[in-house]
N, C-alpha and C. Protein backbone atom coordinates (compact mmCIF):
# COMPACT_ATOMS: atom_id res chain seq x y z
N MET A 1 175.05 113.02 66.36
CA MET A 1 176.12 112.72 67.27
C MET A 1 175.57 112.20 68.60
N PHE A 2 174.50 112.79 69.09
CA PHE A 2 173.87 112.34 70.33
C PHE A 2 172.64 111.51 69.97
N SER A 3 172.86 110.28 69.57
CA SER A 3 171.77 109.45 69.06
C SER A 3 170.71 109.16 70.12
N ASN A 4 171.12 108.98 71.38
CA ASN A 4 170.13 108.73 72.44
C ASN A 4 169.26 109.96 72.68
N LEU A 5 169.86 111.13 72.65
CA LEU A 5 169.11 112.37 72.81
C LEU A 5 168.13 112.55 71.65
N GLU A 6 168.60 112.33 70.45
CA GLU A 6 167.73 112.48 69.28
C GLU A 6 166.59 111.46 69.30
N ALA A 7 166.86 110.26 69.76
CA ALA A 7 165.81 109.24 69.86
C ALA A 7 164.76 109.66 70.89
N GLU A 8 165.22 110.22 72.00
CA GLU A 8 164.30 110.69 73.05
C GLU A 8 163.46 111.86 72.53
N MET A 9 164.08 112.75 71.78
CA MET A 9 163.35 113.88 71.20
C MET A 9 162.27 113.37 70.24
N LEU A 10 162.61 112.41 69.44
CA LEU A 10 161.66 111.84 68.49
C LEU A 10 160.51 111.16 69.22
N LYS A 11 160.84 110.40 70.24
CA LYS A 11 159.83 109.69 71.03
C LYS A 11 158.86 110.67 71.69
N LYS A 12 159.39 111.78 72.20
CA LYS A 12 158.57 112.77 72.90
C LYS A 12 158.02 113.84 71.95
N GLN A 13 158.36 113.73 70.68
CA GLN A 13 157.92 114.67 69.64
C GLN A 13 158.29 116.11 69.98
N VAL A 14 159.55 116.29 70.35
CA VAL A 14 160.09 117.62 70.64
C VAL A 14 161.13 117.93 69.58
N THR A 15 160.98 119.08 68.94
CA THR A 15 161.88 119.45 67.84
C THR A 15 163.13 120.16 68.37
N ARG A 16 164.12 120.26 67.50
CA ARG A 16 165.32 121.03 67.83
C ARG A 16 164.96 122.48 68.11
N GLN A 17 164.05 123.03 67.32
CA GLN A 17 163.65 124.42 67.50
C GLN A 17 162.99 124.62 68.86
N GLU A 18 162.15 123.69 69.26
CA GLU A 18 161.49 123.80 70.57
C GLU A 18 162.50 123.77 71.71
N LEU A 19 163.49 122.89 71.60
CA LEU A 19 164.52 122.84 72.64
C LEU A 19 165.37 124.10 72.62
N ALA A 20 165.72 124.57 71.44
CA ALA A 20 166.49 125.81 71.33
C ALA A 20 165.74 126.96 72.00
N ASP A 21 164.45 127.05 71.72
CA ASP A 21 163.63 128.10 72.33
C ASP A 21 163.60 127.96 73.85
N SER A 22 163.46 126.74 74.33
CA SER A 22 163.41 126.49 75.78
C SER A 22 164.73 126.85 76.45
N LEU A 23 165.83 126.66 75.73
CA LEU A 23 167.16 126.98 76.27
C LEU A 23 167.52 128.44 76.05
N ASP A 24 166.67 129.16 75.33
CA ASP A 24 166.89 130.57 75.01
C ASP A 24 168.17 130.76 74.19
N ILE A 25 168.35 129.85 73.21
CA ILE A 25 169.46 129.95 72.27
C ILE A 25 168.88 129.82 70.87
N THR A 26 169.68 130.17 69.88
CA THR A 26 169.20 130.08 68.50
C THR A 26 169.19 128.62 68.04
N TYR A 27 168.43 128.38 66.98
CA TYR A 27 168.40 127.05 66.39
C TYR A 27 169.81 126.64 65.97
N GLN A 28 170.54 127.57 65.36
CA GLN A 28 171.89 127.25 64.89
C GLN A 28 172.82 126.87 66.04
N THR A 29 172.71 127.58 67.14
CA THR A 29 173.52 127.25 68.32
C THR A 29 173.17 125.85 68.83
N PHE A 30 171.87 125.55 68.91
CA PHE A 30 171.46 124.22 69.35
C PHE A 30 171.96 123.17 68.37
N ASN A 31 171.84 123.45 67.09
CA ASN A 31 172.29 122.51 66.07
C ASN A 31 173.79 122.25 66.20
N ASN A 32 174.56 123.29 66.47
CA ASN A 32 176.01 123.12 66.67
C ASN A 32 176.29 122.22 67.87
N LYS A 33 175.48 122.33 68.89
CA LYS A 33 175.68 121.51 70.09
C LYS A 33 175.30 120.04 69.83
N ILE A 34 174.18 119.83 69.18
CA ILE A 34 173.72 118.44 68.99
C ILE A 34 174.56 117.71 67.95
N THR A 35 175.24 118.45 67.09
CA THR A 35 176.12 117.81 66.12
C THR A 35 177.57 117.72 66.60
N GLY A 36 177.82 118.24 67.81
CA GLY A 36 179.14 118.10 68.41
C GLY A 36 180.14 119.19 68.06
N LYS A 37 179.70 120.22 67.36
CA LYS A 37 180.61 121.31 67.01
C LYS A 37 180.95 122.16 68.24
N THR A 38 179.99 122.28 69.15
CA THR A 38 180.21 122.96 70.43
C THR A 38 179.62 122.07 71.52
N SER A 39 179.91 122.39 72.76
CA SER A 39 179.48 121.55 73.88
C SER A 39 178.23 122.09 74.56
N PHE A 40 177.45 121.17 75.10
CA PHE A 40 176.32 121.53 75.95
C PHE A 40 176.87 121.93 77.31
N LYS A 41 176.26 122.93 77.93
CA LYS A 41 176.56 123.27 79.32
C LYS A 41 175.75 122.32 80.21
N LEU A 42 176.24 122.08 81.41
CA LEU A 42 175.54 121.20 82.34
C LEU A 42 174.12 121.68 82.57
N GLU A 43 173.93 122.97 82.73
CA GLU A 43 172.60 123.52 82.96
C GLU A 43 171.67 123.22 81.79
N GLU A 44 172.20 123.27 80.58
CA GLU A 44 171.40 122.95 79.39
C GLU A 44 171.01 121.49 79.37
N MET A 45 171.95 120.62 79.72
CA MET A 45 171.66 119.18 79.74
C MET A 45 170.58 118.86 80.77
N LEU A 46 170.68 119.47 81.94
CA LEU A 46 169.67 119.24 82.98
C LEU A 46 168.30 119.73 82.54
N LEU A 47 168.24 120.89 81.89
CA LEU A 47 166.97 121.43 81.42
C LEU A 47 166.37 120.56 80.32
N ILE A 48 167.20 120.09 79.40
CA ILE A 48 166.72 119.21 78.33
C ILE A 48 166.14 117.94 78.93
N LYS A 49 166.85 117.34 79.88
CA LYS A 49 166.35 116.12 80.55
C LYS A 49 164.99 116.39 81.19
N LYS A 50 164.84 117.53 81.83
CA LYS A 50 163.58 117.91 82.48
C LYS A 50 162.48 118.12 81.45
N ILE A 51 162.78 118.84 80.38
CA ILE A 51 161.78 119.11 79.33
C ILE A 51 161.29 117.81 78.70
N LEU A 52 162.22 116.91 78.44
CA LEU A 52 161.86 115.63 77.82
C LEU A 52 161.26 114.64 78.81
N LYS A 53 161.32 114.99 80.09
CA LYS A 53 160.84 114.10 81.15
C LYS A 53 161.49 112.72 81.00
N SER A 54 162.78 112.76 80.71
CA SER A 54 163.53 111.54 80.45
C SER A 54 163.93 110.84 81.74
N LYS A 55 163.78 109.54 81.76
CA LYS A 55 164.20 108.73 82.88
C LYS A 55 165.65 108.28 82.71
N SER A 56 166.23 108.55 81.55
CA SER A 56 167.63 108.19 81.28
C SER A 56 168.57 109.09 82.07
N SER A 57 169.72 108.56 82.41
CA SER A 57 170.73 109.37 83.09
C SER A 57 171.32 110.36 82.08
N LEU A 58 171.98 111.39 82.59
CA LEU A 58 172.65 112.33 81.69
C LEU A 58 173.72 111.61 80.87
N ASP A 59 174.42 110.67 81.51
CA ASP A 59 175.45 109.91 80.79
C ASP A 59 174.86 109.17 79.59
N THR A 60 173.70 108.59 79.78
CA THR A 60 173.05 107.85 78.70
C THR A 60 172.48 108.81 77.66
N LEU A 61 171.78 109.81 78.11
CA LEU A 61 171.11 110.74 77.21
C LEU A 61 172.11 111.49 76.34
N PHE A 62 173.25 111.85 76.91
CA PHE A 62 174.24 112.64 76.18
C PHE A 62 175.47 111.82 75.81
N LYS A 63 175.29 110.52 75.67
CA LYS A 63 176.39 109.66 75.23
C LYS A 63 176.74 110.01 73.80
N VAL A 64 178.01 110.20 73.56
CA VAL A 64 178.48 110.58 72.23
C VAL A 64 178.69 109.32 71.40
N LYS A 65 178.08 109.31 70.25
CA LYS A 65 178.26 108.21 69.32
C LYS A 65 179.59 108.40 68.62
N GLU A 66 180.45 107.41 68.72
CA GLU A 66 181.76 107.51 68.08
C GLU A 66 181.63 107.37 66.59
N ILE A 67 182.37 108.20 65.89
CA ILE A 67 182.38 108.17 64.43
C ILE A 67 183.50 107.26 63.98
N LYS A 68 183.16 106.25 63.18
CA LYS A 68 184.17 105.32 62.70
C LYS A 68 184.81 105.89 61.44
N LYS A 69 186.14 105.78 61.38
CA LYS A 69 186.86 106.30 60.22
C LYS A 69 187.24 105.20 59.29
């Protein structure tokens, strides 16, 4: 769902588990957030941006990819 975030994670070689651990949440909770089942908190988004050392804005990094029906 967050294709820009996933691309940044891949580029920086950071796994979902590593981010979940850094956010002090379970892998399943992180997975629910990255797949759009639940929402990221602003504090989580800021920490992820910092961990990834991303130069992208939060708007870009957490842009939701629209699902075509």
